[in-house]
Amino acid sequence: MTIKIDQQFSDDAVLAELGERLAARRLELQLTQAAVAEQAGIGKRTLERIEVGQSSQLVSLIRVLRVLDALPGLDALLPAVGVRPMDLLNSKGKPRQRAPSQPATEQARRPWRWDDGT
């Protein structure tokens, strides 16, 4: 049974779920921890820590994902953000470098709808 990760999960719970999923993928590919660690260029102990949900360096995770042929999944995790036409117009063609200093109001955060009277 796969658990859907959501906002309610603690950081430790997210790490544990990711570790379980990595271990399951490794087993699905019939790879040993030693083989994955060697191909990823990390220590076997590092892979063991990742699989039990302990914190590790992000580069180690990326290397393991690459070996398990799961790296393309990161694209779905954080898809590239396109330039909005109004931002391009307002910035005179220059890419945005900073977020606004004032947080958006609740009204501005709501998605626009056709029947929206405001």
Protein backbone atom coordinates (compact mmCIF):
# COMPACT_ATOMS: atom_id res chain seq x y z
CA MET A 1 0.00 0.00 0.00
CA THR A 2 1.41 3.36 -1.03
CA ILE A 3 0.91 6.32 1.25
CA LYS A 4 0.34 9.68 -0.39
CA ILE A 5 2.74 12.26 1.01
CA ASP A 6 1.01 15.50 1.95
CA GLN A 7 1.44 18.65 4.01
CA GLN A 8 0.45 16.88 7.24
CA PHE A 9 3.56 14.66 7.18
CA SER A 10 6.45 15.61 9.41
CA ASP A 11 9.87 15.91 7.79
CA ASP A 12 10.87 12.59 9.35
CA ALA A 13 7.75 10.89 7.98
CA VAL A 14 8.49 12.19 4.47
CA LEU A 15 12.08 10.93 4.69
CA ALA A 16 10.87 7.53 5.90
CA GLU A 17 8.33 7.22 3.07
CA LEU A 18 10.88 8.26 0.46
CA GLY A 19 13.35 5.75 1.86
CA GLU A 20 10.77 2.97 1.70
CA ARG A 21 9.95 3.86 -1.90
CA LEU A 22 13.61 3.88 -2.89
CA ALA A 23 14.17 0.50 -1.26
CA ALA A 24 11.09 -0.91 -3.01
CA ARG A 25 12.30 0.42 -6.38
CA ARG A 26 15.75 -1.07 -5.78
CA LEU A 27 14.22 -4.44 -4.97
CA GLU A 28 11.92 -4.20 -8.00
CA LEU A 29 15.03 -3.81 -10.15
CA GLN A 30 16.61 -6.73 -8.27
CA LEU A 31 19.62 -4.68 -7.17
CA THR A 32 21.53 -5.06 -3.93
CA GLN A 33 22.33 -2.09 -1.73
CA ALA A 34 26.01 -2.67 -2.47
CA ALA A 35 25.42 -2.57 -6.24
CA VAL A 36 23.34 0.62 -6.13
CA ALA A 37 25.80 2.33 -3.79
CA GLU A 38 28.73 1.43 -6.02
CA GLN A 39 26.98 2.62 -9.20
CA ALA A 40 25.90 5.82 -7.45
CA GLY A 41 29.39 6.50 -6.12
CA ILE A 42 28.25 6.60 -2.50
CA GLY A 43 28.93 4.38 0.48
CA LYS A 44 26.67 1.42 1.20
CA ARG A 45 26.06 2.86 4.66
CA THR A 46 24.84 6.11 3.06
CA LEU A 47 22.31 4.18 1.00
CA GLU A 48 21.22 2.25 4.09
CA ARG A 49 20.62 5.54 5.92
CA ILE A 50 18.60 6.94 3.00
CA GLU A 51 16.44 3.80 2.84
CA VAL A 52 15.59 3.95 6.56
CA GLY A 53 14.64 7.61 6.31
CA GLN A 54 17.65 9.32 7.79
CA SER A 55 18.76 12.65 6.44
CA SER A 56 21.48 12.71 3.79
CA GLN A 57 22.94 15.06 1.23
CA LEU A 58 20.74 15.88 -1.70
CA VAL A 59 23.48 14.90 -4.15
CA SER A 60 23.43 11.36 -2.70
CA LEU A 61 19.69 11.13 -3.33
CA ILE A 62 20.14 12.38 -6.90
CA ARG A 63 22.82 9.77 -7.55
CA VAL A 64 20.60 6.98 -6.20
CA LEU A 65 17.64 8.18 -8.26
CA ARG A 66 19.83 8.14 -11.36
CA VAL A 67 20.90 4.52 -10.75
CA LEU A 68 17.29 3.49 -10.11
CA ASP A 69 16.20 5.25 -13.33
CA ALA A 70 13.92 7.49 -11.30
CA LEU A 71 15.63 10.84 -11.86
CA PRO A 72 13.03 12.03 -14.43
CA GLY A 73 10.49 11.96 -11.58
CA LEU A 74 12.14 15.09 -10.19
CA ASP A 75 10.78 17.00 -13.16
CA ALA A 76 7.27 16.26 -11.95
CA LEU A 77 8.27 17.19 -8.40
CA LEU A 78 9.20 20.74 -9.31
CA PRO A 79 8.21 21.51 -12.89
CA ALA A 80 9.93 24.38 -14.64
CA VAL A 81 8.09 27.66 -14.24
CA GLY A 82 7.32 29.49 -17.45
CA VAL A 83 7.40 33.23 -17.81
CA ARG A 84 3.98 34.80 -17.55
CA PRO A 85 3.26 37.25 -20.39
CA MET A 86 2.42 40.13 -18.03
CA ASP A 87 5.63 39.59 -16.05
CA LEU A 88 7.58 39.70 -19.32
CA LEU A 89 5.84 42.90 -20.33
CA ASN A 90 6.31 44.55 -16.92
CA SER A 91 9.97 43.57 -16.72
CA LYS A 92 10.69 44.79 -20.27
CA GLY A 93 11.96 41.35 -21.31
CA LYS A 94 14.34 40.83 -18.40
CA PRO A 95 13.95 37.64 -16.29
CA ARG A 96 12.64 38.08 -12.77
CA GLN A 97 15.38 38.04 -10.11
CA ARG A 98 13.46 38.59 -6.86
CA ALA A 99 10.13 37.92 -5.21
CA PRO A 100 8.07 40.92 -4.13
CA SER A 101 8.86 42.23 -0.64
CA GLN A 102 5.14 42.43 0.26
CA PRO A 103 3.24 39.11 0.44
CA ALA A 104 0.26 38.89 -1.89
CA THR A 105 -3.09 39.55 -0.33
CA GLU A 106 -5.54 36.69 0.09
CA GLN A 107 -7.63 38.19 -2.74
CA ALA A 108 -4.68 38.15 -5.13
CA ARG A 109 -3.80 34.55 -4.23
CA ARG A 110 -7.20 33.16 -5.16
CA PRO A 111 -7.45 31.82 -8.69
CA TRP A 112 -9.53 33.99 -11.00
CA ARG A 113 -12.90 32.62 -12.16
CA TRP A 114 -15.34 33.88 -14.79
CA ASP A 115 -18.12 34.30 -12.26
CA ASP A 116 -15.87 36.18 -9.82
CA GLY A 117 -17.60 39.46 -9.02
CA THR A 118 -14.47 41.19 -7.78
